Amino acid sequence: MTVGRADVERAARRIAPFVRRTPVLRSPALDAWAGATLFVKAEHHQHAGAFKYRGASNAVWSLSSADASRGVAAHSSGNHAAALARAAHERGIAAYVVMPENTTAFKSGAVARYGAEIVWCAGTLASRRAVLAEVLARTGASEIHPFDDPRVIAGAGTAALELCQDVPDLDVIVTPIGGG
């Protein structure tokens, strides 16, 4: 799976009506600590509180009308769950989110407020996958994986695209790497 700049640029055009262009922040204290001039992309200002909304939106709005009519589904205990629920709500389609039983009420509350159906599972990855498979079989929904999906990756990349537009002479971009 390769996601290139053209994919990110297409995603940016697709999701522009739905996402916030988040600000770039500066902090003299961080600059002094790092011994460099730092720019911070404030993705906590994004809808649903995280950059995850960019990827979820791109995936949801990439679906054909026929696929969208069956809804979307994912397993997540956090930001992807809320992002997918909101993106599906914006498109007017069903969302099914498999969440571990130990998910905080704050996280599951955000998913519920956007109208997604929460399907509870045990707290293991194997349980998440098994319950998601059942949901997909029952609903015919399209799986939107939290991070291993080129549509999600391209949507997430729009944050870096904006950063480079706002601060064109960056030397390095540093970002956390993980499931998110």
Protein backbone atom coordinates (compact mmCIF):
# COMPACT_ATOMS: atom_id res chain seq x y z
CA MET A 1 0.00 0.00 0.00
CA THR A 2 1.56 3.25 -1.11
CA VAL A 3 0.06 6.65 -0.40
CA GLY A 4 1.65 9.55 -2.24
CA ARG A 5 1.33 13.30 -2.35
CA ALA A 6 -1.32 13.14 -5.09
CA ASP A 7 -3.48 10.95 -2.82
CA VAL A 8 -3.12 13.45 0.02
CA GLU A 9 -3.96 16.37 -2.29
CA ARG A 10 -7.10 14.56 -3.53
CA ALA A 11 -8.05 13.85 0.07
CA ALA A 12 -7.58 17.53 0.96
CA ARG A 13 -9.98 18.58 -1.79
CA ARG A 14 -12.49 15.88 -0.84
CA ILE A 15 -12.61 16.72 2.87
CA ALA A 16 -12.20 20.51 2.69
CA PRO A 17 -15.92 21.13 3.32
CA PHE A 18 -15.90 18.97 6.45
CA VAL A 19 -12.63 19.49 8.33
CA ARG A 20 -11.23 22.51 10.10
CA ARG A 21 -8.00 24.03 8.90
CA THR A 22 -6.25 23.87 12.24
CA PRO A 23 -3.85 26.58 13.40
CA VAL A 24 -0.10 26.32 13.70
CA LEU A 25 0.99 27.32 17.18
CA ARG A 26 4.28 28.67 18.50
CA SER A 27 5.77 28.48 21.98
CA PRO A 28 8.87 30.40 23.06
CA ALA A 29 9.26 27.96 25.96
CA LEU A 30 9.31 24.96 23.59
CA ASP A 31 11.73 26.78 21.30
CA ALA A 32 14.08 27.41 24.22
CA TRP A 33 13.80 23.83 25.44
CA ALA A 34 14.49 22.39 21.97
CA GLY A 35 17.06 24.97 20.93
CA ALA A 36 15.16 25.38 17.67
CA THR A 37 12.17 27.17 16.22
CA LEU A 38 9.18 24.83 16.52
CA PHE A 39 5.76 24.96 14.88
CA VAL A 40 2.96 22.82 16.32
CA LYS A 41 -0.06 21.80 14.24
CA ALA A 42 -2.99 22.13 16.65
CA GLU A 43 -5.01 19.08 15.64
CA HIS A 44 -6.74 19.05 19.00
CA HIS A 45 -8.84 21.85 17.45
CA GLN A 46 -10.09 19.44 14.76
CA HIS A 47 -13.67 18.12 14.84
CA ALA A 48 -13.87 15.14 17.19
CA GLY A 49 -10.71 16.46 18.88
CA ALA A 50 -8.01 14.80 16.79
CA PHE A 51 -6.43 14.43 13.36
CA LYS A 52 -8.30 11.13 13.07
CA TYR A 53 -11.31 13.04 11.73
CA ARG A 54 -9.34 13.83 8.57
CA GLY A 55 -8.75 10.16 7.74
CA ALA A 56 -12.22 9.02 8.72
CA SER A 57 -13.78 11.78 6.62
CA ASN A 58 -11.69 10.92 3.59
CA ALA A 59 -12.60 7.24 3.88
CA VAL A 60 -16.31 7.94 4.37
CA TRP A 61 -16.54 10.45 1.51
CA SER A 62 -14.50 8.14 -0.77
CA LEU A 63 -17.23 5.49 -0.69
CA SER A 64 -19.59 5.03 -3.59
CA SER A 65 -23.24 5.75 -2.88
CA ALA A 66 -23.99 2.01 -2.93
CA ASP A 67 -21.23 1.22 -0.41
CA ALA A 68 -22.13 4.20 1.76
CA SER A 69 -25.76 3.07 1.92
CA ARG A 70 -24.63 0.01 3.91
CA GLY A 71 -22.73 2.11 6.43
CA VAL A 72 -19.23 1.94 7.85
CA ALA A 73 -17.70 -0.06 10.67
CA ALA A 74 -14.49 -0.17 12.68
CA HIS A 75 -13.05 -1.32 15.95
CA SER A 76 -11.62 1.44 18.11
CA SER A 77 -11.66 2.54 21.70
CA GLY A 78 -10.80 6.14 21.06
CA ASN A 79 -10.32 8.90 18.55
CA HIS A 80 -10.96 6.87 15.40
CA ALA A 81 -14.27 5.69 16.85
CA ALA A 82 -15.50 9.24 17.44
CA ALA A 83 -14.07 10.47 14.14
CA LEU A 84 -15.75 7.73 12.14
CA ALA A 85 -19.05 8.22 13.94
CA ARG A 86 -18.98 11.95 13.19
CA ALA A 87 -17.94 11.51 9.55
CA ALA A 88 -20.73 8.97 9.01
CA HIS A 89 -23.21 11.31 10.71
CA GLU A 90 -22.10 14.13 8.38
CA ARG A 91 -22.72 11.91 5.36
CA GLY A 92 -26.01 10.63 6.77
CA ILE A 93 -25.02 6.98 6.89
CA ALA A 94 -24.90 4.32 9.58
CA ALA A 95 -21.77 3.72 11.64
CA TYR A 96 -21.03 0.63 13.71
CA VAL A 97 -18.18 0.83 16.20
CA VAL A 98 -16.82 -2.15 18.10
CA MET A 99 -15.49 -0.94 21.45
CA PRO A 100 -13.91 -2.86 24.35
CA GLU A 101 -16.04 -3.08 27.48
CA ASN A 102 -13.40 -1.13 29.42
CA THR A 103 -13.68 1.94 27.16
CA THR A 104 -14.16 5.13 29.16
CA ALA A 105 -17.62 6.67 29.30
CA PHE A 106 -16.13 9.86 27.85
CA LYS A 107 -14.93 8.04 24.72
CA SER A 108 -18.04 5.92 24.21
CA GLY A 109 -20.24 8.95 24.92
CA ALA A 110 -18.69 10.85 22.03
CA VAL A 111 -19.36 7.93 19.68
CA ALA A 112 -22.96 7.64 20.88
CA ARG A 113 -23.58 11.40 20.51
CA TYR A 114 -22.73 11.13 16.81
CA GLY A 115 -25.33 8.37 16.45
CA ALA A 116 -23.13 5.33 15.90
CA GLU A 117 -24.22 1.91 17.07
CA ILE A 118 -21.73 0.70 19.68
CA VAL A 119 -21.11 -3.04 19.80
CA TRP A 120 -19.25 -4.07 22.94
CA CYS A 121 -16.50 -6.68 23.04
CA ALA A 122 -13.84 -8.02 25.38
CA GLY A 123 -10.68 -5.96 25.73
CA THR A 124 -8.45 -8.03 23.45
CA LEU A 125 -7.47 -7.37 19.85
CA ALA A 126 -8.70 -10.84 18.92
CA SER A 127 -12.12 -10.03 20.37
CA ARG A 128 -12.27 -6.70 18.57
CA ARG A 129 -11.50 -8.37 15.25
CA ALA A 130 -13.96 -11.22 15.80
CA VAL A 131 -16.83 -8.94 16.81
CA LEU A 132 -16.08 -6.58 13.93
CA ALA A 133 -16.22 -9.52 11.51
CA GLU A 134 -19.68 -10.36 12.90
CA VAL A 135 -20.82 -6.74 12.48
CA LEU A 136 -19.53 -6.61 8.90
CA ALA A 137 -21.31 -9.88 8.07
CA ARG A 138 -24.58 -8.68 9.67
CA THR A 139 -24.63 -5.20 8.15
CA GLY A 140 -22.63 -5.32 4.92
CA ALA A 141 -20.90 -2.14 6.11
CA SER A 142 -17.52 -1.08 4.74
CA GLU A 143 -14.65 -1.52 7.16
CA ILE A 144 -12.70 1.66 7.84
CA HIS A 145 -9.56 0.47 9.60
CA PRO A 146 -8.19 2.98 12.14
CA PHE A 147 -4.75 3.21 10.53
CA ASP A 148 -4.13 0.48 7.95
CA ASP A 149 -6.27 1.98 5.19
CA PRO A 150 -4.88 4.14 2.38
CA ARG A 151 -7.92 6.45 2.52
CA VAL A 152 -7.35 7.04 6.24
CA ILE A 153 -3.62 7.58 5.70
CA ALA A 154 -4.20 10.06 2.87
CA GLY A 155 -6.73 11.97 4.97
CA ALA A 156 -4.36 12.11 7.93
CA GLY A 157 -1.65 13.40 5.62
CA THR A 158 -3.68 16.52 4.95
CA ALA A 159 -2.51 17.89 8.32
CA ALA A 160 1.10 17.83 7.05
CA LEU A 161 0.02 19.32 3.74
CA GLU A 162 -1.56 22.26 5.57
CA LEU A 163 1.50 22.63 7.80
CA CYS A 164 3.76 22.86 4.76
CA GLN A 165 1.45 25.45 3.19
CA ASP A 166 1.39 27.53 6.37
CA VAL A 167 5.12 27.22 7.12
CA PRO A 168 6.77 26.59 3.74
CA ASP A 169 10.42 26.63 4.85
CA LEU A 170 10.38 23.76 7.37
CA ASP A 171 13.58 21.77 7.73
CA VAL A 172 12.04 18.72 9.45
CA ILE A 173 8.61 17.44 10.38
CA VAL A 174 8.49 15.33 13.54
CA THR A 175 5.39 13.28 14.24
CA PRO A 176 4.53 10.45 16.61
CA ILE A 177 4.26 7.05 14.97
CA GLY A 178 2.01 4.28 16.20
CA GLY A 179 -1.42 2.81 15.66
CA GLY A 180 -2.68 6.37 15.32
